[in-house]
N, C-alpha and C. Protein backbone atom coordinates (compact mmCIF):
# COMPACT_ATOMS: atom_id res chain seq x y z
N MET A 1 5.60 -97.44 52.62
CA MET A 1 5.93 -98.84 52.45
C MET A 1 7.35 -99.11 52.97
N GLN A 2 8.23 -98.15 52.77
CA GLN A 2 9.60 -98.32 53.23
C GLN A 2 9.65 -98.48 54.73
N SER A 3 8.83 -97.73 55.45
CA SER A 3 8.85 -97.83 56.90
C SER A 3 8.32 -99.18 57.38
N ILE A 4 7.33 -99.72 56.67
CA ILE A 4 6.81 -101.04 57.01
C ILE A 4 7.91 -102.08 56.80
N ARG A 5 8.60 -101.96 55.67
CA ARG A 5 9.69 -102.88 55.34
C ARG A 5 10.76 -102.81 56.43
N ASN A 6 11.15 -101.60 56.81
CA ASN A 6 12.18 -101.45 57.83
C ASN A 6 11.73 -102.01 59.17
N SER A 7 10.46 -101.80 59.52
CA SER A 7 9.95 -102.33 60.78
C SER A 7 10.00 -103.85 60.80
N ILE A 8 9.60 -104.46 59.71
CA ILE A 8 9.61 -105.92 59.64
C ILE A 8 11.04 -106.44 59.72
N LEU A 9 11.93 -105.82 58.97
CA LEU A 9 13.32 -106.29 58.95
C LEU A 9 13.99 -106.08 60.31
N CYS A 10 13.58 -105.06 61.05
CA CYS A 10 14.15 -104.83 62.39
C CYS A 10 13.72 -105.92 63.37
N HIS A 11 12.53 -106.48 63.17
CA HIS A 11 12.00 -107.48 64.10
C HIS A 11 12.32 -108.92 63.70
N VAL A 12 12.85 -109.11 62.51
CA VAL A 12 13.20 -110.46 62.06
C VAL A 12 14.55 -110.81 62.67
N ARG A 13 14.58 -111.94 63.34
CA ARG A 13 15.85 -112.38 63.93
C ARG A 13 16.65 -113.09 62.83
N ILE A 14 17.88 -112.65 62.68
CA ILE A 14 18.74 -113.23 61.66
C ILE A 14 19.56 -114.34 62.29
N GLY A 15 19.33 -115.54 61.80
CA GLY A 15 20.07 -116.69 62.28
C GLY A 15 21.34 -116.88 61.46
N THR A 16 22.09 -117.91 61.81
CA THR A 16 23.33 -118.15 61.10
C THR A 16 23.18 -119.22 60.03
N SER A 17 22.03 -119.86 59.97
CA SER A 17 21.86 -120.93 58.99
C SER A 17 21.61 -120.33 57.60
N PRO A 18 22.05 -121.04 56.56
CA PRO A 18 21.82 -120.56 55.20
C PRO A 18 20.33 -120.45 54.86
N GLN A 19 19.51 -121.33 55.45
CA GLN A 19 18.08 -121.30 55.16
C GLN A 19 17.45 -120.01 55.66
N THR A 20 17.86 -119.55 56.84
CA THR A 20 17.32 -118.31 57.40
C THR A 20 17.74 -117.13 56.53
N GLY A 21 18.97 -117.14 56.08
CA GLY A 21 19.46 -116.07 55.21
C GLY A 21 18.68 -116.02 53.90
N ASN A 22 18.39 -117.20 53.33
CA ASN A 22 17.62 -117.24 52.08
C ASN A 22 16.20 -116.73 52.30
N ALA A 23 15.59 -117.09 53.43
CA ALA A 23 14.24 -116.63 53.72
C ALA A 23 14.21 -115.11 53.89
N LEU A 24 15.23 -114.56 54.55
CA LEU A 24 15.30 -113.12 54.75
C LEU A 24 15.49 -112.39 53.42
N ARG A 25 16.34 -112.91 52.55
CA ARG A 25 16.54 -112.29 51.23
C ARG A 25 15.26 -112.35 50.42
N SER A 26 14.53 -113.45 50.52
CA SER A 26 13.26 -113.58 49.80
C SER A 26 12.24 -112.56 50.31
N LEU A 27 12.16 -112.41 51.65
CA LEU A 27 11.25 -111.44 52.23
C LEU A 27 11.62 -110.02 51.79
N SER A 28 12.90 -109.72 51.80
CA SER A 28 13.36 -108.39 51.40
C SER A 28 13.01 -108.11 49.94
N ARG A 29 13.22 -109.11 49.05
CA ARG A 29 12.88 -108.95 47.63
C ARG A 29 11.39 -108.71 47.47
N HIS A 30 10.57 -109.45 48.23
CA HIS A 30 9.12 -109.29 48.13
C HIS A 30 8.68 -107.91 48.57
N LEU A 31 9.24 -107.42 49.67
CA LEU A 31 8.87 -106.09 50.16
C LEU A 31 9.31 -105.00 49.19
N CYS A 32 10.48 -105.15 48.57
CA CYS A 32 10.94 -104.17 47.59
C CYS A 32 10.05 -104.20 46.36
N ALA A 33 9.61 -105.38 45.95
CA ALA A 33 8.72 -105.49 44.80
C ALA A 33 7.38 -104.84 45.09
N SER A 34 6.91 -104.93 46.33
CA SER A 34 5.65 -104.30 46.70
C SER A 34 5.73 -102.79 46.56
N THR A 35 6.87 -102.20 46.89
CA THR A 35 7.05 -100.76 46.77
C THR A 35 6.97 -100.34 45.32
N SER A 36 7.63 -101.08 44.42
CA SER A 36 7.59 -100.69 43.01
C SER A 36 6.20 -100.91 42.43
N THR A 37 5.50 -101.93 42.90
CA THR A 37 4.13 -102.16 42.44
C THR A 37 3.25 -101.00 42.86
N ASN A 38 3.43 -100.50 44.08
CA ASN A 38 2.65 -99.37 44.55
C ASN A 38 2.90 -98.15 43.66
N THR A 39 4.14 -97.88 43.31
CA THR A 39 4.48 -96.76 42.44
C THR A 39 3.87 -96.98 41.06
N ASP A 40 3.89 -98.21 40.58
CA ASP A 40 3.29 -98.52 39.28
C ASP A 40 1.78 -98.27 39.31
N GLN A 41 1.14 -98.63 40.41
CA GLN A 41 -0.30 -98.39 40.54
C GLN A 41 -0.60 -96.90 40.56
N VAL A 42 0.21 -96.14 41.27
CA VAL A 42 0.04 -94.68 41.31
C VAL A 42 0.22 -94.12 39.90
N LEU A 43 1.25 -94.58 39.20
CA LEU A 43 1.50 -94.10 37.85
C LEU A 43 0.33 -94.39 36.93
N ASP A 44 -0.24 -95.58 37.04
CA ASP A 44 -1.41 -95.92 36.22
C ASP A 44 -2.58 -94.99 36.51
N ARG A 45 -2.79 -94.68 37.79
CA ARG A 45 -3.89 -93.76 38.15
C ARG A 45 -3.62 -92.35 37.63
N VAL A 46 -2.36 -91.91 37.72
CA VAL A 46 -2.00 -90.57 37.24
C VAL A 46 -2.22 -90.48 35.73
N VAL A 47 -1.72 -91.47 34.99
CA VAL A 47 -1.89 -91.47 33.53
C VAL A 47 -3.38 -91.48 33.17
N GLY A 48 -4.16 -92.30 33.86
CA GLY A 48 -5.59 -92.36 33.61
C GLY A 48 -6.28 -91.03 33.86
N LEU A 49 -5.87 -90.36 34.93
CA LEU A 49 -6.45 -89.06 35.26
C LEU A 49 -6.09 -88.02 34.19
N VAL A 50 -4.85 -88.03 33.73
CA VAL A 50 -4.42 -87.09 32.70
C VAL A 50 -5.17 -87.35 31.40
N LYS A 51 -5.36 -88.62 31.07
CA LYS A 51 -6.09 -88.95 29.84
C LYS A 51 -7.53 -88.46 29.89
N LYS A 52 -8.12 -88.39 31.07
CA LYS A 52 -9.50 -87.92 31.22
C LYS A 52 -9.63 -86.40 31.18
N PHE A 53 -8.49 -85.71 31.32
CA PHE A 53 -8.52 -84.25 31.33
C PHE A 53 -8.99 -83.76 29.97
N ASP A 54 -10.03 -82.94 29.94
CA ASP A 54 -10.71 -82.60 28.69
C ASP A 54 -9.88 -81.77 27.71
N LYS A 55 -8.80 -81.16 28.15
CA LYS A 55 -8.00 -80.32 27.27
C LYS A 55 -6.80 -81.06 26.67
N ILE A 56 -6.77 -82.37 26.85
CA ILE A 56 -5.63 -83.16 26.39
C ILE A 56 -6.11 -84.24 25.43
N ASP A 57 -5.34 -84.42 24.35
CA ASP A 57 -5.57 -85.53 23.43
C ASP A 57 -5.02 -86.79 24.11
N SER A 58 -5.89 -87.68 24.53
CA SER A 58 -5.47 -88.84 25.33
C SER A 58 -4.48 -89.75 24.60
N SER A 59 -4.46 -89.71 23.28
CA SER A 59 -3.52 -90.56 22.54
C SER A 59 -2.08 -90.07 22.70
N LYS A 60 -1.88 -88.84 23.14
CA LYS A 60 -0.53 -88.28 23.32
C LYS A 60 0.01 -88.51 24.72
N VAL A 61 -0.83 -88.97 25.63
CA VAL A 61 -0.42 -89.12 27.03
C VAL A 61 0.44 -90.38 27.20
N THR A 62 1.64 -90.17 27.71
CA THR A 62 2.54 -91.26 28.09
C THR A 62 3.12 -90.92 29.46
N GLU A 63 3.90 -91.84 30.00
CA GLU A 63 4.51 -91.61 31.32
C GLU A 63 5.43 -90.38 31.30
N THR A 64 6.10 -90.17 30.15
CA THR A 64 7.12 -89.12 30.09
C THR A 64 6.72 -87.93 29.22
N ALA A 65 5.48 -87.89 28.75
CA ALA A 65 5.03 -86.76 27.94
C ALA A 65 5.01 -85.49 28.80
N ASP A 66 5.72 -84.46 28.35
CA ASP A 66 5.79 -83.20 29.07
C ASP A 66 4.44 -82.49 28.99
N PHE A 67 3.94 -82.05 30.15
CA PHE A 67 2.63 -81.41 30.18
C PHE A 67 2.58 -80.17 29.29
N GLN A 68 3.63 -79.38 29.31
CA GLN A 68 3.63 -78.14 28.55
C GLN A 68 4.03 -78.36 27.10
N LYS A 69 5.15 -79.04 26.87
CA LYS A 69 5.68 -79.19 25.51
C LYS A 69 4.90 -80.20 24.67
N ASP A 70 4.64 -81.37 25.22
CA ASP A 70 4.00 -82.44 24.45
C ASP A 70 2.48 -82.38 24.47
N LEU A 71 1.91 -81.96 25.61
CA LEU A 71 0.46 -81.98 25.76
C LEU A 71 -0.16 -80.58 25.63
N SER A 72 0.68 -79.58 25.42
CA SER A 72 0.25 -78.20 25.16
C SER A 72 -0.64 -77.60 26.24
N LEU A 73 -0.29 -77.86 27.50
CA LEU A 73 -1.05 -77.27 28.60
C LEU A 73 -0.43 -75.93 28.98
N ASP A 74 -1.28 -74.92 29.17
CA ASP A 74 -0.78 -73.64 29.66
C ASP A 74 -0.76 -73.68 31.18
N SER A 75 -0.35 -72.58 31.80
CA SER A 75 -0.18 -72.57 33.26
C SER A 75 -1.50 -72.80 34.00
N LEU A 76 -2.58 -72.26 33.48
CA LEU A 76 -3.89 -72.47 34.13
C LEU A 76 -4.32 -73.93 34.03
N ASP A 77 -4.10 -74.53 32.87
CA ASP A 77 -4.42 -75.96 32.70
C ASP A 77 -3.61 -76.82 33.67
N ARG A 78 -2.36 -76.47 33.86
CA ARG A 78 -1.51 -77.24 34.77
C ARG A 78 -2.00 -77.11 36.21
N VAL A 79 -2.46 -75.92 36.56
CA VAL A 79 -3.01 -75.71 37.91
C VAL A 79 -4.25 -76.59 38.09
N GLU A 80 -5.11 -76.63 37.09
CA GLU A 80 -6.31 -77.48 37.17
C GLU A 80 -5.93 -78.94 37.30
N LEU A 81 -4.90 -79.35 36.57
CA LEU A 81 -4.46 -80.74 36.63
C LEU A 81 -3.89 -81.07 38.01
N VAL A 82 -3.10 -80.17 38.57
CA VAL A 82 -2.56 -80.38 39.91
C VAL A 82 -3.70 -80.49 40.93
N MET A 83 -4.72 -79.66 40.76
CA MET A 83 -5.88 -79.74 41.66
C MET A 83 -6.58 -81.09 41.53
N ALA A 84 -6.63 -81.62 40.31
CA ALA A 84 -7.23 -82.94 40.09
C ALA A 84 -6.40 -84.02 40.79
N PHE A 85 -5.06 -83.91 40.73
CA PHE A 85 -4.19 -84.87 41.43
C PHE A 85 -4.41 -84.78 42.93
N GLU A 86 -4.51 -83.56 43.45
CA GLU A 86 -4.71 -83.38 44.88
C GLU A 86 -6.03 -84.01 45.33
N GLU A 87 -7.05 -83.83 44.53
CA GLU A 87 -8.36 -84.39 44.88
C GLU A 87 -8.34 -85.91 44.78
N GLU A 88 -7.76 -86.43 43.73
CA GLU A 88 -7.73 -87.89 43.50
C GLU A 88 -6.95 -88.62 44.59
N PHE A 89 -5.82 -88.05 45.01
CA PHE A 89 -4.94 -88.73 45.95
C PHE A 89 -5.02 -88.17 47.37
N SER A 90 -5.92 -87.24 47.61
CA SER A 90 -6.11 -86.64 48.94
C SER A 90 -4.80 -86.12 49.54
N ILE A 91 -4.10 -85.35 48.73
CA ILE A 91 -2.84 -84.74 49.18
C ILE A 91 -2.87 -83.26 48.83
N GLU A 92 -1.91 -82.53 49.35
CA GLU A 92 -1.73 -81.14 48.97
C GLU A 92 -0.34 -81.01 48.36
N ILE A 93 -0.28 -80.44 47.17
CA ILE A 93 0.99 -80.27 46.48
C ILE A 93 1.35 -78.79 46.52
N PRO A 94 2.42 -78.44 47.24
CA PRO A 94 2.81 -77.03 47.31
C PRO A 94 3.17 -76.49 45.92
N GLU A 95 2.95 -75.20 45.72
CA GLU A 95 3.15 -74.59 44.41
C GLU A 95 4.58 -74.79 43.90
N GLU A 96 5.57 -74.66 44.78
CA GLU A 96 6.97 -74.82 44.35
C GLU A 96 7.25 -76.25 43.91
N LYS A 97 6.58 -77.22 44.49
CA LYS A 97 6.73 -78.62 44.05
C LYS A 97 5.96 -78.85 42.76
N ALA A 98 4.77 -78.28 42.66
CA ALA A 98 3.93 -78.47 41.49
C ALA A 98 4.61 -77.96 40.22
N ASP A 99 5.38 -76.88 40.35
CA ASP A 99 6.07 -76.32 39.19
C ASP A 99 7.13 -77.27 38.64
N LYS A 100 7.63 -78.16 39.48
CA LYS A 100 8.68 -79.10 39.07
C LYS A 100 8.12 -80.40 38.49
N LEU A 101 6.82 -80.60 38.60
CA LEU A 101 6.19 -81.82 38.08
C LEU A 101 5.86 -81.60 36.61
N THR A 102 6.66 -82.18 35.74
CA THR A 102 6.51 -81.90 34.30
C THR A 102 5.87 -83.02 33.51
N CYS A 103 5.78 -84.21 34.11
CA CYS A 103 5.18 -85.35 33.39
C CYS A 103 4.52 -86.29 34.39
N CYS A 104 3.82 -87.29 33.90
CA CYS A 104 3.11 -88.23 34.76
C CYS A 104 4.05 -88.98 35.70
N ALA A 105 5.23 -89.35 35.19
CA ALA A 105 6.19 -90.08 36.01
C ALA A 105 6.65 -89.23 37.20
N ASP A 106 6.86 -87.93 36.97
CA ASP A 106 7.24 -87.03 38.07
C ASP A 106 6.14 -86.98 39.12
N VAL A 107 4.91 -86.87 38.68
CA VAL A 107 3.77 -86.79 39.60
C VAL A 107 3.67 -88.08 40.41
N ALA A 108 3.79 -89.22 39.75
CA ALA A 108 3.69 -90.51 40.45
C ALA A 108 4.80 -90.67 41.49
N ARG A 109 6.02 -90.29 41.13
CA ARG A 109 7.13 -90.37 42.10
C ARG A 109 6.86 -89.46 43.29
N TYR A 110 6.37 -88.26 43.04
CA TYR A 110 6.08 -87.32 44.13
C TYR A 110 5.00 -87.89 45.05
N ILE A 111 3.92 -88.38 44.48
CA ILE A 111 2.82 -88.92 45.28
C ILE A 111 3.28 -90.13 46.09
N ALA A 112 4.05 -91.02 45.46
CA ALA A 112 4.54 -92.20 46.17
C ALA A 112 5.47 -91.79 47.31
N SER A 113 6.32 -90.80 47.08
CA SER A 113 7.24 -90.36 48.15
C SER A 113 6.47 -89.71 49.29
N GLU A 114 5.43 -88.96 48.97
CA GLU A 114 4.60 -88.36 50.03
C GLU A 114 3.88 -89.44 50.83
N ALA A 115 3.40 -90.47 50.16
CA ALA A 115 2.73 -91.57 50.87
C ALA A 115 3.70 -92.29 51.78
N ASP A 116 4.94 -92.48 51.33
CA ASP A 116 5.96 -93.12 52.17
C ASP A 116 6.26 -92.27 53.39
N GLN A 117 6.33 -90.95 53.21
CA GLN A 117 6.63 -90.06 54.34
C GLN A 117 5.49 -90.04 55.35
N LYS A 118 4.25 -90.12 54.87
CA LYS A 118 3.09 -90.11 55.78
C LYS A 118 3.05 -91.39 56.60
N SER A 119 3.45 -92.51 56.00
CA SER A 119 3.38 -93.79 56.72
C SER A 119 4.57 -93.99 57.64
N ALA A 120 5.56 -93.13 57.54
CA ALA A 120 6.77 -93.28 58.39
C ALA A 120 6.51 -92.82 59.81
């Protein structure tokens, strides 16, 4: 999304009138809001996927609940969960990155950043 935003802003001619400046600021705000909405949508999908995982009490799942400490997942369970994320989002998460993903918010940020890099 960032690359789309940058492409649009590169092609917009900036005039000297206050009206043009206001329109450009409005466009920039809208594009930035779209990026956060995309991350929010990814986060919602990640939380939903974790809640469906059969070894987790869905009432304990939050954006910041630690997979190991709060949700009591062992290393094998975490591997299965990472595989579920990979399948759901059609991405590959390297093992060294997967070890650093400790909660749903971490996973959503990683997936959103990978999507931004692919679209660049």
